[in-house]
Amino acid sequence: MLSMRRHAWALATGIVLAGCQTKVVQEFPLTHLQAEMKLDSGIREYDDGNYKIASRNIQSALDEGLTTPSQARAHKYLAFIDCISGQQTQCREQFHKALEANPKLELKPEEVGHPIWGPVFRSVKAGMSAK
């Protein structure tokens, strides 16, 4: 009788834990989806020249949990915003974070030639490659 109770208890515990695991698994992709949507919104704001809103949305997307490739993209855009805002130290830091997330990150041809952030990106990338 005692053995049967233990078995029933183990079975019930397993069902409860499996239910919890399923809930976590179901919520995790939704969190990434929401973060990705916020990143896309931030990039649209960036493209429209609304840098303050863009920065807020992109940082929020990072805080919500982006995938690693999207983290690199988010930090790249934050670097662009910092560079054009005259915040060179923060620009370098954001490029560094982008390259940590994706060491193979390259700027698009139209981005790499930018007179402000192009040289900063190349400098940060060269410094990380030398390590």
N, C-alpha and C. Protein backbone atom coordinates (compact mmCIF):
# COMPACT_ATOMS: atom_id res chain seq x y z
N MET A 1 0.82 -1.20 0.00
CA MET A 1 0.00 0.00 0.00
C MET A 1 0.87 1.26 0.00
N LEU A 2 1.90 1.25 0.84
CA LEU A 2 2.79 2.40 0.91
C LEU A 2 3.51 2.61 -0.42
N SER A 3 3.93 1.52 -1.04
CA SER A 3 4.60 1.59 -2.33
C SER A 3 3.67 2.19 -3.39
N MET A 4 2.41 1.83 -3.35
CA MET A 4 1.44 2.36 -4.31
C MET A 4 1.26 3.87 -4.11
N ARG A 5 1.25 4.31 -2.87
CA ARG A 5 1.12 5.75 -2.59
C ARG A 5 2.33 6.51 -3.12
N ARG A 6 3.51 5.95 -2.89
CA ARG A 6 4.73 6.59 -3.40
C ARG A 6 4.69 6.69 -4.92
N HIS A 7 4.26 5.63 -5.55
CA HIS A 7 4.17 5.62 -7.00
C HIS A 7 3.16 6.67 -7.49
N ALA A 8 2.02 6.72 -6.81
CA ALA A 8 1.00 7.72 -7.17
C ALA A 8 1.55 9.14 -6.96
N TRP A 9 2.27 9.34 -5.84
CA TRP A 9 2.85 10.65 -5.55
C TRP A 9 3.88 11.04 -6.61
N ALA A 10 4.73 10.11 -6.98
CA ALA A 10 5.74 10.35 -8.00
C ALA A 10 5.09 10.68 -9.34
N LEU A 11 4.04 9.94 -9.67
CA LEU A 11 3.32 10.19 -10.91
C LEU A 11 2.67 11.57 -10.91
N ALA A 12 2.03 11.94 -9.80
CA ALA A 12 1.39 13.25 -9.70
C ALA A 12 2.42 14.37 -9.78
N THR A 13 3.55 14.19 -9.09
CA THR A 13 4.61 15.20 -9.13
C THR A 13 5.15 15.35 -10.54
N GLY A 14 5.35 14.24 -11.22
CA GLY A 14 5.83 14.27 -12.60
C GLY A 14 4.88 15.02 -13.51
N ILE A 15 3.59 14.80 -13.33
CA ILE A 15 2.59 15.48 -14.17
C ILE A 15 2.62 16.98 -13.89
N VAL A 16 2.70 17.36 -12.62
CA VAL A 16 2.74 18.78 -12.27
C VAL A 16 4.00 19.43 -12.85
N LEU A 17 5.15 18.78 -12.68
CA LEU A 17 6.39 19.33 -13.20
C LEU A 17 6.38 19.39 -14.72
N ALA A 18 5.82 18.40 -15.36
CA ALA A 18 5.73 18.43 -16.83
C ALA A 18 4.85 19.58 -17.27
N GLY A 19 3.79 19.86 -16.53
CA GLY A 19 2.91 20.98 -16.85
C GLY A 19 3.64 22.30 -16.72
N CYS A 20 4.47 22.42 -15.68
CA CYS A 20 5.26 23.65 -15.50
C CYS A 20 6.26 23.82 -16.63
N GLN A 21 6.91 22.72 -16.99
CA GLN A 21 7.90 22.79 -18.06
C GLN A 21 7.24 23.22 -19.36
N THR A 22 6.08 22.68 -19.64
CA THR A 22 5.36 23.02 -20.86
C THR A 22 5.03 24.51 -20.87
N LYS A 23 4.58 25.04 -19.74
CA LYS A 23 4.25 26.46 -19.67
C LYS A 23 5.48 27.32 -19.95
N VAL A 24 6.62 26.96 -19.35
CA VAL A 24 7.86 27.71 -19.56
C VAL A 24 8.26 27.65 -21.02
N VAL A 25 8.21 26.47 -21.60
CA VAL A 25 8.58 26.31 -23.00
C VAL A 25 7.66 27.12 -23.89
N GLN A 26 6.38 27.16 -23.55
CA GLN A 26 5.43 27.92 -24.36
C GLN A 26 5.65 29.42 -24.25
N GLU A 27 6.02 29.92 -23.08
CA GLU A 27 6.20 31.36 -22.89
C GLU A 27 7.51 31.86 -23.46
N PHE A 28 8.54 31.04 -23.48
CA PHE A 28 9.87 31.48 -23.90
C PHE A 28 9.88 32.01 -25.33
N PRO A 29 9.33 31.27 -26.32
CA PRO A 29 9.33 31.81 -27.68
C PRO A 29 8.52 33.11 -27.79
N LEU A 30 7.44 33.22 -27.01
CA LEU A 30 6.64 34.44 -27.04
C LEU A 30 7.47 35.63 -26.56
N THR A 31 8.29 35.42 -25.54
CA THR A 31 9.17 36.48 -25.04
C THR A 31 10.12 36.93 -26.14
N HIS A 32 10.72 35.97 -26.83
CA HIS A 32 11.62 36.32 -27.93
C HIS A 32 10.88 37.05 -29.03
N LEU A 33 9.69 36.61 -29.35
CA LEU A 33 8.89 37.26 -30.40
C LEU A 33 8.60 38.71 -30.04
N GLN A 34 8.21 38.94 -28.79
CA GLN A 34 7.92 40.31 -28.35
C GLN A 34 9.18 41.17 -28.41
N ALA A 35 10.30 40.62 -28.00
CA ALA A 35 11.56 41.37 -28.04
C ALA A 35 11.95 41.67 -29.49
N GLU A 36 11.78 40.70 -30.38
CA GLU A 36 12.11 40.90 -31.80
C GLU A 36 11.22 41.99 -32.40
N MET A 37 9.96 41.99 -32.05
CA MET A 37 9.05 43.02 -32.56
C MET A 37 9.45 44.40 -32.05
N LYS A 38 9.88 44.47 -30.81
CA LYS A 38 10.32 45.74 -30.24
C LYS A 38 11.60 46.22 -30.93
N LEU A 39 12.50 45.28 -31.24
CA LEU A 39 13.72 45.63 -31.98
C LEU A 39 13.36 46.17 -33.35
N ASP A 40 12.47 45.50 -34.05
CA ASP A 40 12.05 45.98 -35.38
C ASP A 40 11.44 47.37 -35.29
N SER A 41 10.65 47.59 -34.26
CA SER A 41 10.05 48.91 -34.05
C SER A 41 11.14 49.96 -33.82
N GLY A 42 12.13 49.61 -33.01
CA GLY A 42 13.24 50.53 -32.74
C GLY A 42 14.02 50.86 -34.00
N ILE A 43 14.24 49.87 -34.83
CA ILE A 43 14.98 50.11 -36.08
C ILE A 43 14.17 50.98 -37.03
N ARG A 44 12.85 50.78 -37.06
CA ARG A 44 12.00 51.68 -37.88
C ARG A 44 12.09 53.12 -37.38
N GLU A 45 12.06 53.28 -36.05
CA GLU A 45 12.19 54.63 -35.48
C GLU A 45 13.56 55.22 -35.82
N TYR A 46 14.59 54.40 -35.78
CA TYR A 46 15.93 54.85 -36.17
C TYR A 46 15.91 55.33 -37.62
N ASP A 47 15.33 54.52 -38.51
CA ASP A 47 15.26 54.88 -39.93
C ASP A 47 14.50 56.18 -40.15
N ASP A 48 13.54 56.45 -39.26
CA ASP A 48 12.75 57.69 -39.36
C ASP A 48 13.43 58.87 -38.68
N GLY A 49 14.59 58.63 -38.07
CA GLY A 49 15.33 59.72 -37.42
C GLY A 49 14.90 59.99 -35.99
N ASN A 50 14.07 59.13 -35.42
CA ASN A 50 13.61 59.30 -34.04
C ASN A 50 14.54 58.52 -33.10
N TYR A 51 15.74 59.05 -32.91
CA TYR A 51 16.79 58.31 -32.24
C TYR A 51 16.52 58.04 -30.76
N LYS A 52 15.88 58.97 -30.08
CA LYS A 52 15.59 58.77 -28.66
C LYS A 52 14.60 57.62 -28.48
N ILE A 53 13.55 57.60 -29.28
CA ILE A 53 12.55 56.52 -29.21
C ILE A 53 13.19 55.22 -29.67
N ALA A 54 13.99 55.29 -30.72
CA ALA A 54 14.66 54.09 -31.24
C ALA A 54 15.55 53.47 -30.17
N SER A 55 16.33 54.30 -29.51
CA SER A 55 17.23 53.81 -28.47
C SER A 55 16.46 53.15 -27.34
N ARG A 56 15.37 53.77 -26.94
CA ARG A 56 14.54 53.22 -25.86
C ARG A 56 13.95 51.86 -26.25
N ASN A 57 13.42 51.76 -27.48
CA ASN A 57 12.83 50.51 -27.94
C ASN A 57 13.88 49.41 -28.10
N ILE A 58 15.03 49.76 -28.64
CA ILE A 58 16.08 48.77 -28.86
C ILE A 58 16.62 48.27 -27.52
N GLN A 59 16.83 49.17 -26.57
CA GLN A 59 17.31 48.76 -25.26
C GLN A 59 16.26 47.89 -24.56
N SER A 60 15.01 48.25 -24.71
CA SER A 60 13.93 47.45 -24.13
C SER A 60 13.90 46.04 -24.73
N ALA A 61 14.14 45.95 -26.03
CA ALA A 61 14.19 44.65 -26.70
C ALA A 61 15.33 43.81 -26.12
N LEU A 62 16.48 44.43 -25.91
CA LEU A 62 17.61 43.71 -25.30
C LEU A 62 17.25 43.23 -23.89
N ASP A 63 16.59 44.09 -23.14
CA ASP A 63 16.21 43.75 -21.76
C ASP A 63 15.21 42.60 -21.73
N GLU A 64 14.36 42.50 -22.77
CA GLU A 64 13.32 41.46 -22.81
C GLU A 64 13.86 40.11 -23.26
N GLY A 65 15.06 40.08 -23.83
CA GLY A 65 15.66 38.81 -24.18
C GLY A 65 15.67 38.47 -25.66
N LEU A 66 16.52 39.15 -26.40
CA LEU A 66 16.69 38.86 -27.82
C LEU A 66 17.56 37.62 -28.02
N THR A 67 17.42 37.00 -29.17
CA THR A 67 18.33 35.92 -29.54
C THR A 67 19.71 36.54 -29.76
N THR A 68 20.75 35.72 -29.74
CA THR A 68 22.12 36.22 -29.88
C THR A 68 22.34 36.99 -31.18
N PRO A 69 21.89 36.49 -32.35
CA PRO A 69 22.09 37.29 -33.57
C PRO A 69 21.39 38.66 -33.50
N SER A 70 20.22 38.67 -32.89
CA SER A 70 19.49 39.94 -32.77
C SER A 70 20.14 40.86 -31.75
N GLN A 71 20.81 40.29 -30.75
CA GLN A 71 21.55 41.12 -29.80
C GLN A 71 22.64 41.89 -30.53
N ALA A 72 23.34 41.23 -31.43
CA ALA A 72 24.40 41.89 -32.20
C ALA A 72 23.81 43.03 -33.02
N ARG A 73 22.70 42.77 -33.65
CA ARG A 73 22.02 43.79 -34.47
C ARG A 73 21.58 44.97 -33.61
N ALA A 74 21.02 44.68 -32.44
CA ALA A 74 20.55 45.74 -31.54
C ALA A 74 21.71 46.62 -31.08
N HIS A 75 22.80 45.99 -30.67
CA HIS A 75 23.96 46.76 -30.21
C HIS A 75 24.56 47.58 -31.35
N LYS A 76 24.50 47.06 -32.57
CA LYS A 76 25.01 47.80 -33.73
C LYS A 76 24.21 49.10 -33.89
N TYR A 77 22.89 49.01 -33.81
CA TYR A 77 22.07 50.22 -33.96
C TYR A 77 22.26 51.17 -32.79
N LEU A 78 22.42 50.64 -31.59
CA LEU A 78 22.70 51.53 -30.45
C LEU A 78 24.04 52.23 -30.64
N ALA A 79 25.00 51.53 -31.23
CA ALA A 79 26.30 52.16 -31.54
C ALA A 79 26.11 53.30 -32.54
N PHE A 80 25.33 53.05 -33.58
CA PHE A 80 25.07 54.11 -34.57
C PHE A 80 24.49 55.34 -33.88
N ILE A 81 23.51 55.12 -33.02
CA ILE A 81 22.84 56.24 -32.33
C ILE A 81 23.84 56.98 -31.44
N ASP A 82 24.65 56.23 -30.70
CA ASP A 82 25.65 56.87 -29.84
C ASP A 82 26.67 57.66 -30.66
N CYS A 83 27.11 57.09 -31.78
CA CYS A 83 28.09 57.78 -32.62
C CYS A 83 27.54 59.09 -33.16
N ILE A 84 26.33 59.05 -33.69
CA ILE A 84 25.78 60.29 -34.27
C ILE A 84 25.38 61.30 -33.20
N SER A 85 25.29 60.83 -31.95
CA SER A 85 24.99 61.73 -30.83
C SER A 85 26.26 62.27 -30.20
N GLY A 86 27.41 61.92 -30.78
CA GLY A 86 28.68 62.42 -30.27
C GLY A 86 29.19 61.69 -29.04
N GLN A 87 28.63 60.53 -28.75
CA GLN A 87 29.04 59.76 -27.58
C GLN A 87 29.97 58.63 -28.03
N GLN A 88 31.20 58.99 -28.33
CA GLN A 88 32.16 58.05 -28.91
C GLN A 88 32.48 56.87 -27.99
N THR A 89 32.60 57.10 -26.70
CA THR A 89 32.92 56.01 -25.77
C THR A 89 31.79 54.99 -25.76
N GLN A 90 30.55 55.47 -25.67
CA GLN A 90 29.40 54.56 -25.68
C GLN A 90 29.28 53.85 -27.02
N CYS A 91 29.60 54.56 -28.10
CA CYS A 91 29.57 53.98 -29.44
C CYS A 91 30.53 52.80 -29.50
N ARG A 92 31.74 52.99 -29.02
CA ARG A 92 32.74 51.91 -29.01
C ARG A 92 32.25 50.73 -28.16
N GLU A 93 31.67 51.05 -27.00
CA GLU A 93 31.17 49.99 -26.11
C GLU A 93 30.07 49.18 -26.79
N GLN A 94 29.18 49.86 -27.50
CA GLN A 94 28.08 49.15 -28.18
C GLN A 94 28.62 48.28 -29.31
N PHE A 95 29.59 48.78 -30.07
CA PHE A 95 30.19 47.95 -31.12
C PHE A 95 30.90 46.75 -30.50
N HIS A 96 31.54 46.96 -29.37
CA HIS A 96 32.21 45.86 -28.68
C HIS A 96 31.19 44.79 -28.28
N LYS A 97 30.06 45.20 -27.72
CA LYS A 97 29.01 44.25 -27.34
C LYS A 97 28.45 43.54 -28.56
N ALA A 98 28.29 44.27 -29.65
CA ALA A 98 27.79 43.66 -30.89
C ALA A 98 28.74 42.58 -31.38
N LEU A 99 30.02 42.88 -31.33
CA LEU A 99 31.03 41.92 -31.79
C LEU A 99 31.21 40.76 -30.81
N GLU A 100 30.93 40.98 -29.55
CA GLU A 100 30.94 39.87 -28.60
C GLU A 100 29.81 38.90 -28.91
N ALA A 101 28.64 39.46 -29.27
CA ALA A 101 27.49 38.62 -29.61
C ALA A 101 27.71 37.90 -30.93
N ASN A 102 28.39 38.57 -31.86
CA ASN A 102 28.65 37.97 -33.17
C ASN A 102 30.03 38.45 -33.66
N PRO A 103 31.08 37.68 -33.37
CA PRO A 103 32.44 38.09 -33.77
C PRO A 103 32.61 38.25 -35.28
N LYS A 104 31.74 37.65 -36.07
CA LYS A 104 31.83 37.76 -37.53
C LYS A 104 31.00 38.92 -38.08
N LEU A 105 30.45 39.72 -37.20
CA LEU A 105 29.62 40.85 -37.63
C LEU A 105 30.38 41.76 -38.58
N GLU A 106 29.74 42.10 -39.66
CA GLU A 106 30.27 43.08 -40.62
C GLU A 106 29.17 44.11 -40.87
N LEU A 107 29.58 45.32 -41.14
CA LEU A 107 28.62 46.35 -41.51
C LEU A 107 28.31 46.22 -42.98
N LYS A 108 27.10 46.65 -43.34
CA LYS A 108 26.71 46.67 -44.76
C LYS A 108 27.58 47.70 -45.47
N PRO A 109 27.76 47.56 -46.79
CA PRO A 109 28.61 48.52 -47.52
C PRO A 109 28.21 49.98 -47.28
N GLU A 110 26.92 50.24 -47.23
CA GLU A 110 26.48 51.62 -47.01
C GLU A 110 26.71 52.07 -45.57
N GLU A 111 26.90 51.13 -44.64
CA GLU A 111 27.16 51.48 -43.24
C GLU A 111 28.65 51.64 -42.97
N VAL A 112 29.44 50.75 -43.55
CA VAL A 112 30.88 50.75 -43.26
C VAL A 112 31.57 52.03 -43.74
N GLY A 113 31.02 52.66 -44.77
CA GLY A 113 31.62 53.88 -45.29
C GLY A 113 31.20 55.14 -44.56
N HIS A 114 30.37 55.01 -43.53
CA HIS A 114 29.92 56.19 -42.80
C HIS A 114 31.11 56.87 -42.13
N PRO A 115 31.22 58.19 -42.27
CA PRO A 115 32.42 58.89 -41.75
C PRO A 115 32.54 58.90 -40.23
N ILE A 116 31.45 58.71 -39.52
CA ILE A 116 31.54 58.75 -38.05
C ILE A 116 31.72 57.34 -37.48
N TRP A 117 30.79 56.43 -37.78
CA TRP A 117 30.88 55.13 -37.13
C TRP A 117 31.70 54.10 -37.88
N GLY A 118 31.94 54.31 -39.17
CA GLY A 118 32.77 53.37 -39.94
C GLY A 118 34.16 53.18 -39.32
N PRO A 119 34.89 54.28 -39.08
CA PRO A 119 36.21 54.14 -38.47
C PRO A 119 36.16 53.56 -37.05
N VAL A 120 35.12 53.90 -36.29
CA VAL A 120 35.00 53.38 -34.92
C VAL A 120 34.81 51.87 -34.97
N PHE A 121 33.92 51.41 -35.84
CA PHE A 121 33.67 49.98 -35.97
C PHE A 121 34.96 49.24 -36.36
N ARG A 122 35.65 49.75 -37.37
CA ARG A 122 36.88 49.09 -37.82
C ARG A 122 37.92 49.03 -36.70
N SER A 123 38.02 50.09 -35.92
CA SER A 123 38.97 50.14 -34.81
C SER A 123 38.62 49.11 -33.74
N VAL A 124 37.35 49.05 -33.37
CA VAL A 124 36.92 48.10 -32.34
C VAL A 124 37.13 46.67 -32.84
N LYS A 125 36.76 46.41 -34.08
CA LYS A 125 36.91 45.06 -34.63
C LYS A 125 38.38 44.65 -34.69
N ALA A 126 39.24 45.56 -35.11
CA ALA A 126 40.68 45.27 -35.18
C ALA A 126 41.22 45.00 -33.78
N GLY A 127 40.78 45.77 -32.80
CA GLY A 127 41.23 45.58 -31.43
C GLY A 127 40.80 44.24 -30.87
N MET A 128 39.60 43.79 -31.22
CA MET A 128 39.12 42.49 -30.73
C MET A 128 39.80 41.34 -31.46
N SER A 129 40.14 41.55 -32.73
CA SER A 129 40.82 40.51 -33.49
C SER A 129 42.24 40.30 -33.01
N ALA A 130 42.85 41.36 -32.49
CA ALA A 130 44.24 41.29 -32.03
C ALA A 130 44.37 40.50 -30.72
N LYS A 131 43.26 40.31 -30.02
CA LYS A 131 43.31 39.60 -28.73
C LYS A 131 43.37 38.11 -28.89
